[in-house]
N, C-alpha and C. Protein backbone atom coordinates (compact mmCIF):
# COMPACT_ATOMS: atom_id res chain seq x y z
N MET A 1 -85.38 73.73 -13.44
CA MET A 1 -84.23 74.20 -13.63
C MET A 1 -83.37 73.38 -14.59
N ASN A 2 -82.56 74.36 -14.94
CA ASN A 2 -81.97 73.94 -16.06
C ASN A 2 -80.78 72.96 -15.93
N VAL A 3 -80.54 72.23 -16.94
CA VAL A 3 -79.70 70.74 -16.85
C VAL A 3 -78.33 71.68 -17.77
N ARG A 4 -77.36 71.50 -17.04
CA ARG A 4 -76.09 71.54 -17.43
C ARG A 4 -74.98 70.67 -17.73
N LYS A 5 -74.62 69.80 -18.77
CA LYS A 5 -73.66 69.03 -18.53
C LYS A 5 -72.38 69.52 -19.02
N THR A 6 -71.71 69.24 -18.19
CA THR A 6 -70.21 69.16 -18.27
C THR A 6 -69.11 68.66 -19.54
N ASP A 7 -68.19 68.70 -19.56
CA ASP A 7 -67.60 68.13 -20.78
C ASP A 7 -66.97 67.06 -20.18
N GLU A 8 -66.72 66.81 -19.02
CA GLU A 8 -66.25 65.62 -18.30
C GLU A 8 -67.55 64.76 -18.50
N PHE A 9 -68.99 65.23 -17.94
CA PHE A 9 -70.01 64.27 -18.18
C PHE A 9 -70.32 63.78 -19.60
N ILE A 10 -70.13 64.60 -20.41
CA ILE A 10 -70.28 64.11 -21.92
C ILE A 10 -69.29 62.96 -21.84
N ALA A 11 -68.07 63.09 -21.74
CA ALA A 11 -66.75 62.25 -22.28
C ALA A 11 -67.02 61.22 -21.49
N ASP A 12 -67.99 61.27 -20.38
CA ASP A 12 -68.12 59.96 -19.55
C ASP A 12 -68.89 58.99 -20.49
N VAL A 13 -70.02 59.71 -20.25
CA VAL A 13 -71.25 58.94 -21.14
C VAL A 13 -71.01 58.78 -22.40
N GLU A 14 -70.11 59.17 -23.35
CA GLU A 14 -69.31 58.71 -24.75
C GLU A 14 -68.54 57.63 -24.46
N TRP A 15 -68.21 57.73 -23.21
CA TRP A 15 -66.96 56.41 -23.40
C TRP A 15 -67.83 54.89 -22.88
N GLN A 16 -69.04 55.42 -22.13
CA GLN A 16 -69.62 54.42 -21.94
C GLN A 16 -70.43 53.37 -23.04
N PHE A 17 -71.09 54.87 -23.72
CA PHE A 17 -72.08 54.29 -24.78
C PHE A 17 -70.93 53.42 -25.57
N GLU A 18 -69.69 53.94 -26.19
CA GLU A 18 -69.02 53.35 -26.93
C GLU A 18 -68.53 51.79 -26.15
N TRP A 19 -68.43 51.87 -25.20
CA TRP A 19 -68.00 50.22 -24.42
C TRP A 19 -69.48 49.38 -24.75
N TYR A 20 -70.23 50.07 -24.59
CA TYR A 20 -71.98 49.26 -25.10
C TYR A 20 -71.94 48.90 -26.19
N VAL A 21 -71.59 49.59 -27.22
CA VAL A 21 -71.70 49.53 -28.87
C VAL A 21 -70.50 48.07 -29.38
N LEU A 22 -69.40 48.26 -28.35
CA LEU A 22 -68.67 47.15 -28.47
C LEU A 22 -69.00 46.11 -28.08
N ASN A 23 -69.38 45.83 -26.74
CA ASN A 23 -69.88 44.64 -26.25
C ASN A 23 -71.03 44.47 -25.61
N ALA A 24 -71.95 45.06 -26.02
CA ALA A 24 -73.33 44.84 -26.13
C ALA A 24 -74.29 44.94 -27.11
N GLY A 25 -73.69 45.66 -28.07
CA GLY A 25 -74.65 46.04 -29.61
C GLY A 25 -75.06 47.43 -29.44
N GLY A 26 -75.59 48.15 -30.66
CA GLY A 26 -76.22 49.37 -30.49
C GLY A 26 -77.21 49.91 -30.23
N PRO A 27 -78.12 48.45 -30.08
CA PRO A 27 -79.47 48.95 -29.26
C PRO A 27 -79.23 48.86 -27.94
N VAL A 28 -78.02 48.37 -27.30
CA VAL A 28 -77.97 48.78 -25.88
C VAL A 28 -77.66 49.59 -25.57
N ALA A 29 -76.47 50.20 -26.56
CA ALA A 29 -75.88 51.35 -26.34
C ALA A 29 -76.96 52.68 -26.17
N ASP A 30 -78.03 52.36 -27.23
CA ASP A 30 -78.82 53.56 -27.41
C ASP A 30 -79.68 53.77 -26.15
N ARG A 31 -79.85 52.39 -25.63
CA ARG A 31 -80.94 52.49 -24.66
C ARG A 31 -80.22 53.04 -23.37
N TYR A 32 -78.77 52.63 -23.23
CA TYR A 32 -78.27 53.63 -22.00
C TYR A 32 -78.28 54.91 -22.37
N LEU A 33 -77.94 55.32 -23.31
CA LEU A 33 -78.33 56.96 -23.55
C LEU A 33 -79.39 57.37 -23.06
N ASP A 34 -80.53 56.89 -23.65
CA ASP A 34 -82.13 57.08 -23.33
C ASP A 34 -82.13 57.09 -22.00
N ALA A 35 -81.60 56.15 -21.12
CA ALA A 35 -81.91 55.91 -19.46
C ALA A 35 -81.14 57.34 -18.73
N VAL A 36 -79.61 57.37 -19.23
CA VAL A 36 -78.87 58.52 -18.90
C VAL A 36 -79.86 59.67 -19.00
N GLU A 37 -80.35 59.88 -20.32
CA GLU A 37 -81.05 61.19 -20.39
C GLU A 37 -82.54 61.70 -19.91
N ALA A 38 -83.31 60.52 -19.66
CA ALA A 38 -84.50 60.28 -18.63
C ALA A 38 -83.92 60.67 -17.61
N ALA A 39 -82.63 60.07 -16.80
CA ALA A 39 -82.29 60.30 -15.22
C ALA A 39 -81.98 62.17 -15.10
N CYS A 40 -81.40 62.37 -16.21
CA CYS A 40 -81.31 64.29 -16.30
C CYS A 40 -82.26 64.87 -16.30
N HIS A 41 -83.19 64.61 -17.23
CA HIS A 41 -84.56 65.28 -17.12
C HIS A 41 -85.36 64.93 -15.92
N LEU A 42 -85.39 64.14 -14.86
CA LEU A 42 -85.96 64.00 -13.82
C LEU A 42 -85.21 64.77 -12.83
N LEU A 43 -83.84 64.81 -12.99
CA LEU A 43 -83.11 65.91 -12.12
C LEU A 43 -83.04 67.14 -12.19
N GLY A 44 -83.58 67.47 -13.50
CA GLY A 44 -83.57 68.88 -14.10
C GLY A 44 -85.27 69.40 -13.11
N GLN A 45 -86.19 68.30 -13.26
CA GLN A 45 -87.85 68.64 -12.54
C GLN A 45 -87.21 68.28 -10.79
N HIS A 46 -86.59 67.43 -9.99
CA HIS A 46 -86.34 67.60 -8.94
C HIS A 46 -84.93 67.47 -8.79
N ALA A 47 -84.48 68.76 -8.49
CA ALA A 47 -82.73 68.39 -8.36
C ALA A 47 -82.09 68.19 -7.18
N ARG A 48 -83.37 68.19 -5.91
CA ARG A 48 -82.42 67.66 -4.93
C ARG A 48 -82.92 66.23 -4.75
N LEU A 49 -83.53 65.30 -5.65
CA LEU A 49 -84.06 63.97 -5.90
C LEU A 49 -82.73 62.95 -5.38
N GLY A 50 -81.43 63.35 -5.77
CA GLY A 50 -80.36 62.51 -5.16
C GLY A 50 -79.87 62.73 -3.94
N PRO A 51 -79.10 61.74 -3.01
CA PRO A 51 -78.69 62.41 -1.85
C PRO A 51 -77.11 62.86 -2.24
N CYS A 52 -76.70 63.90 -1.23
CA CYS A 52 -75.22 64.05 -1.25
C CYS A 52 -74.33 63.28 -1.25
N ALA A 53 -73.65 63.00 -2.05
CA ALA A 53 -72.42 61.86 -2.00
C ALA A 53 -71.35 61.72 -0.75
N GLY A 54 -71.43 63.13 -0.10
CA GLY A 54 -70.50 62.68 1.43
C GLY A 54 -69.27 62.41 1.32
N PHE A 55 -68.57 62.90 -0.08
CA PHE A 55 -67.02 62.78 0.01
C PHE A 55 -66.40 63.72 0.22
N ALA A 56 -65.32 63.34 1.46
CA ALA A 56 -64.32 64.37 1.77
C ALA A 56 -63.75 65.30 1.08
N GLN A 57 -63.42 64.97 -0.03
CA GLN A 57 -62.82 65.95 -1.04
C GLN A 57 -63.24 67.12 -0.90
N PRO A 58 -62.87 68.13 -1.14
CA PRO A 58 -63.69 69.76 -0.82
C PRO A 58 -64.48 69.41 -2.47
N ARG A 59 -63.45 69.57 -3.60
CA ARG A 59 -64.14 69.93 -4.92
C ARG A 59 -65.58 69.09 -4.90
N LEU A 60 -65.61 67.53 -4.15
CA LEU A 60 -66.76 66.82 -4.41
C LEU A 60 -67.61 66.76 -3.22
N ARG A 61 -67.57 67.52 -2.31
CA ARG A 61 -68.36 67.76 -0.83
C ARG A 61 -69.61 67.88 -1.08
N ASP A 62 -70.03 68.88 -2.16
CA ASP A 62 -71.33 69.50 -2.40
C ASP A 62 -71.94 68.39 -3.74
N TRP A 63 -71.47 67.59 -4.35
CA TRP A 63 -71.47 66.63 -5.40
C TRP A 63 -73.36 65.60 -4.64
N ARG A 64 -73.94 65.88 -5.56
CA ARG A 64 -75.61 64.53 -5.07
C ARG A 64 -75.09 63.85 -6.16
N PHE A 65 -75.62 62.33 -5.69
CA PHE A 65 -75.60 61.13 -7.25
C PHE A 65 -76.77 60.58 -7.11
N PHE A 66 -76.77 60.34 -8.51
CA PHE A 66 -78.58 59.56 -8.80
C PHE A 66 -78.09 58.74 -9.69
N VAL A 67 -78.51 57.36 -9.43
CA VAL A 67 -78.53 56.05 -9.82
C VAL A 67 -79.16 56.28 -11.36
N VAL A 68 -78.73 55.89 -12.37
CA VAL A 68 -79.29 55.41 -13.76
C VAL A 68 -80.37 54.27 -13.62
N PHE A 69 -81.40 54.54 -14.58
CA PHE A 69 -82.42 53.70 -14.48
C PHE A 69 -82.19 52.46 -14.72
N ARG A 70 -83.12 51.06 -14.28
CA ARG A 70 -82.56 50.05 -14.77
C ARG A 70 -82.87 49.82 -16.41
N PRO A 71 -81.91 48.69 -16.96
CA PRO A 71 -81.20 47.89 -16.31
C PRO A 71 -79.58 48.36 -16.23
N PHE A 72 -79.48 49.80 -16.61
CA PHE A 72 -78.17 50.54 -16.14
C PHE A 72 -77.85 50.78 -14.59
N ASN A 73 -78.51 50.06 -13.43
CA ASN A 73 -78.52 51.03 -12.14
C ASN A 73 -76.94 50.29 -11.97
N LYS A 74 -76.26 50.04 -12.34
CA LYS A 74 -75.08 50.23 -11.86
C LYS A 74 -74.43 51.38 -11.95
N HIS A 75 -74.79 52.12 -12.81
CA HIS A 75 -74.05 53.65 -13.39
C HIS A 75 -74.82 54.54 -12.45
N ILE A 76 -73.78 55.90 -12.05
CA ILE A 76 -74.15 56.84 -11.18
C ILE A 76 -73.91 57.92 -12.13
N LEU A 77 -74.80 58.87 -11.54
CA LEU A 77 -74.63 60.51 -12.07
C LEU A 77 -74.10 61.21 -10.94
N PHE A 78 -73.29 61.93 -11.49
CA PHE A 78 -72.99 62.93 -10.20
C PHE A 78 -73.26 64.13 -10.48
N TYR A 79 -73.88 65.18 -9.67
CA TYR A 79 -74.45 66.52 -9.71
C TYR A 79 -74.16 67.26 -8.88
N GLU A 80 -74.47 68.72 -9.13
CA GLU A 80 -74.04 69.87 -8.58
C GLU A 80 -75.69 70.86 -8.72
N VAL A 81 -75.97 71.10 -7.98
CA VAL A 81 -77.23 71.99 -7.58
C VAL A 81 -76.45 73.63 -7.68
N MET A 82 -76.61 74.31 -8.54
CA MET A 82 -76.03 75.42 -8.45
C MET A 82 -77.33 76.95 -8.79
N THR A 83 -77.79 77.40 -7.86
CA THR A 83 -78.62 78.32 -7.95
C THR A 83 -80.07 77.70 -9.31
N ASP A 84 -80.15 77.81 -10.03
CA ASP A 84 -80.96 77.45 -10.90
C ASP A 84 -80.82 76.29 -12.00
N ASN A 85 -79.37 75.92 -11.75
CA ASN A 85 -79.13 74.76 -12.71
C ASN A 85 -78.95 73.41 -12.12
N VAL A 86 -78.86 72.32 -12.95
CA VAL A 86 -78.40 71.14 -12.30
C VAL A 86 -76.86 70.82 -13.14
N VAL A 87 -75.96 71.00 -12.65
CA VAL A 87 -74.71 70.81 -13.60
C VAL A 87 -74.33 69.38 -13.47
N MET A 88 -74.42 68.61 -14.58
CA MET A 88 -74.17 67.02 -14.77
C MET A 88 -71.98 66.74 -14.38
N ARG A 89 -71.88 66.87 -13.66
CA ARG A 89 -70.46 66.52 -13.55
C ARG A 89 -69.85 65.27 -13.89
N ARG A 90 -70.11 63.96 -13.83
CA ARG A 90 -69.74 63.00 -13.91
C ARG A 90 -70.81 61.65 -14.20
N ALA A 91 -70.19 60.77 -14.84
CA ALA A 91 -71.52 59.74 -14.81
C ALA A 91 -70.17 58.45 -14.71
N MET A 92 -70.40 57.60 -13.61
CA MET A 92 -69.34 56.40 -13.76
C MET A 92 -70.42 55.42 -13.27
N HIS A 93 -69.26 54.27 -13.49
CA HIS A 93 -69.79 52.54 -13.30
C HIS A 93 -69.53 52.51 -11.43
N GLY A 94 -70.55 51.84 -10.71
CA GLY A 94 -70.26 52.21 -9.47
C GLY A 94 -69.40 51.41 -8.75
N HIS A 95 -68.63 50.31 -9.37
CA HIS A 95 -67.75 49.88 -8.74
C HIS A 95 -66.49 49.91 -8.86
N ARG A 96 -66.22 51.33 -9.06
CA ARG A 96 -64.92 51.81 -9.14
C ARG A 96 -64.54 52.66 -8.21
N ASP A 97 -63.12 52.90 -7.62
CA ASP A 97 -63.18 53.59 -6.60
C ASP A 97 -63.39 54.95 -6.92
N LEU A 98 -64.77 55.40 -6.57
CA LEU A 98 -65.35 56.49 -6.88
C LEU A 98 -64.53 58.08 -6.45
N PRO A 99 -63.91 57.87 -4.95
CA PRO A 99 -63.40 59.20 -4.74
C PRO A 99 -62.00 59.52 -5.30
N LYS A 100 -61.36 58.64 -5.91
CA LYS A 100 -60.13 58.85 -6.81
C LYS A 100 -60.44 58.85 -8.03
N ARG A 101 -61.36 58.07 -8.93
CA ARG A 101 -61.63 58.12 -10.14
C ARG A 101 -62.53 59.78 -10.59
N LEU A 102 -63.08 59.84 -9.30
CA LEU A 102 -63.85 61.58 -9.93
C LEU A 102 -62.92 62.69 -10.14
N ARG A 103 -62.03 62.05 -9.50
CA ARG A 103 -60.55 63.26 -9.40
C ARG A 103 -59.86 63.34 -10.66
N GLU A 104 -60.09 62.44 -11.43
CA GLU A 104 -59.25 62.00 -12.57
C GLU A 104 -60.02 62.42 -13.75
N PRO A 105 -59.19 62.82 -14.76
CA PRO A 105 -59.94 63.27 -16.06
C PRO A 105 -60.55 61.86 -17.03
N PRO A 106 -61.78 62.06 -17.69
CA PRO A 106 -62.35 60.71 -18.42
C PRO A 106 -61.78 60.19 -18.82
N GLN A 107 -60.52 60.57 -19.64
CA GLN A 107 -59.60 59.63 -20.52
C GLN A 107 -58.92 58.61 -19.75
N SER A 108 -58.47 58.52 -18.40
CA SER A 108 -57.45 57.83 -17.86
C SER A 108 -58.68 56.45 -17.40
N LYS A 109 -59.88 56.56 -17.88
CA LYS A 109 -60.64 55.08 -17.87
C LYS A 109 -59.53 53.81 -18.09
């Protein structure tokens, strides 16, 4: 399957990358990007690997989720399977109010 990244997904990942650069350094930030890319690649091969998120909000109802590989396993990637595409929707720290935050634009972090 093709993996397509939405603008919101890219903004979320960029925001988290910058956070790691400022708080943990460039090498850790680079490892974060590598872990996200590895997860996206795996989802492209096994799209239904992540379970349905089960959100009540109609727009989020069909979203699935996948936890980023260690040591970044507090970060969750949200995506949809659409025909022959895996559409990466959002990337977020799991300790947030996810149903609320997923409806907000990335800039509101």
